[in-house]
Amino acid sequence: MKVAVSALGSTLDAAVDPRFGRSSTFILVETDDMTFEAIENGNKALGGGAGIQSAQLMAQKKVKAVLTGNCGPNAYQTLSAAGI
C-alpha cells in the first residue's frame, strides 16, 4: 500500500510537517517493501487552494492513506472523494 507523509525533509527520518497543503515535501512510502520517493510540494506557495491541489496530487500518485498533522476541510473532502 502506498502511504504519503507530509514531511519537513526528503528522508524517512524527516519530521512530519503538521501542514498538509503547504508541506514542503511529501514522502511516498510503499509499505510492502519500504521503498520511498520524496517529492517536492509545488503547491505550497499557492495563494489559495494548496490543500485541494495537494490532495489531487496524492490521488494522481495513487496514494491510499496520508499521514499529516492538519488537513483543512477542502483538502479532506478532496482526499475523501478520491478514496484516500
Protein backbone atom coordinates (compact mmCIF):
# COMPACT_ATOMS: atom_id res chain seq x y z
CA MET A 1 0.00 0.00 0.00
CA LYS A 2 1.31 3.46 -0.83
CA VAL A 3 1.22 5.97 2.05
CA ALA A 4 2.09 9.68 1.85
CA VAL A 5 3.67 11.55 4.73
CA SER A 6 3.82 15.35 4.81
CA ALA A 7 7.44 15.94 5.78
CA LEU A 8 9.98 18.63 6.58
CA GLY A 9 12.68 16.78 4.63
CA SER A 10 13.24 14.16 1.99
CA THR A 11 14.30 11.11 4.01
CA LEU A 12 12.42 8.57 6.09
CA ASP A 13 13.94 10.19 9.18
CA ALA A 14 12.42 13.60 8.38
CA ALA A 15 9.98 15.08 10.85
CA VAL A 16 6.31 15.17 9.93
CA ASP A 17 5.18 18.57 8.65
CA PRO A 18 1.96 19.40 10.52
CA ARG A 19 0.62 21.25 7.45
CA PHE A 20 -0.76 19.11 4.65
CA GLY A 21 -1.39 21.52 1.78
CA ARG A 22 1.64 23.68 2.49
CA SER A 23 4.01 20.88 3.42
CA SER A 24 7.41 21.33 1.81
CA THR A 25 7.74 17.67 0.84
CA PHE A 26 5.67 14.53 0.56
CA ILE A 27 7.34 11.21 1.17
CA LEU A 28 5.53 8.41 -0.64
CA VAL A 29 6.26 5.08 1.05
CA GLU A 30 5.39 1.66 -0.35
CA THR A 31 4.66 -0.22 2.87
CA ASP A 32 5.19 -3.66 1.33
CA ASP A 33 8.94 -3.14 0.88
CA MET A 34 9.56 0.31 2.47
CA THR A 35 10.81 1.85 -0.76
CA PHE A 36 10.07 5.55 -0.92
CA GLU A 37 10.03 8.58 -3.15
CA ALA A 38 10.31 12.16 -1.89
CA ILE A 39 8.50 14.75 -3.98
CA GLU A 40 8.60 18.49 -3.53
CA ASN A 41 5.20 20.05 -2.99
CA GLY A 42 4.90 22.64 -5.74
CA ASN A 43 1.54 23.71 -4.30
CA LYS A 44 2.94 25.09 -1.04
CA ALA A 45 3.29 28.65 -2.37
CA LEU A 46 -0.15 28.92 -3.96
CA GLY A 47 -2.23 31.87 -2.78
CA GLY A 48 -5.24 29.63 -2.28
CA GLY A 49 -6.24 26.04 -2.91
CA ALA A 50 -2.95 24.48 -1.82
CA GLY A 51 -4.75 21.76 0.12
CA ILE A 52 -7.02 20.83 -2.76
CA GLN A 53 -4.14 20.76 -5.25
CA SER A 54 -2.02 18.68 -2.88
CA ALA A 55 -4.89 16.24 -2.36
CA GLN A 56 -5.30 15.90 -6.12
CA LEU A 57 -1.56 15.20 -6.37
CA MET A 58 -1.96 12.38 -3.83
CA ALA A 59 -4.76 10.90 -5.94
CA GLN A 60 -2.61 11.13 -9.09
CA LYS A 61 0.21 9.32 -7.27
CA LYS A 62 -2.26 6.56 -6.27
CA VAL A 63 -1.76 7.06 -2.53
CA LYS A 64 -4.10 5.06 -0.27
CA ALA A 65 -3.50 6.93 3.01
CA VAL A 66 -2.00 10.23 4.19
CA LEU A 67 -0.17 10.83 7.47
CA THR A 68 -0.10 14.51 8.41
CA GLY A 69 -0.79 16.87 11.26
CA ASN A 70 -3.63 19.03 9.98
CA CYS A 71 -5.75 18.73 6.87
CA GLY A 72 -8.17 21.52 6.02
CA PRO A 73 -11.81 20.80 5.18
CA ASN A 74 -11.43 21.26 1.41
CA ALA A 75 -8.36 19.04 1.25
CA TYR A 76 -10.12 16.47 3.44
CA GLN A 77 -13.13 16.46 1.16
CA THR A 78 -10.92 16.06 -1.92
CA LEU A 79 -8.98 13.19 -0.30
CA SER A 80 -12.21 11.50 0.78
CA ALA A 81 -13.70 11.81 -2.71
CA ALA A 82 -10.59 10.06 -4.05
CA GLY A 83 -10.94 7.24 -1.53
CA ILE A 84 -7.87 8.30 0.46
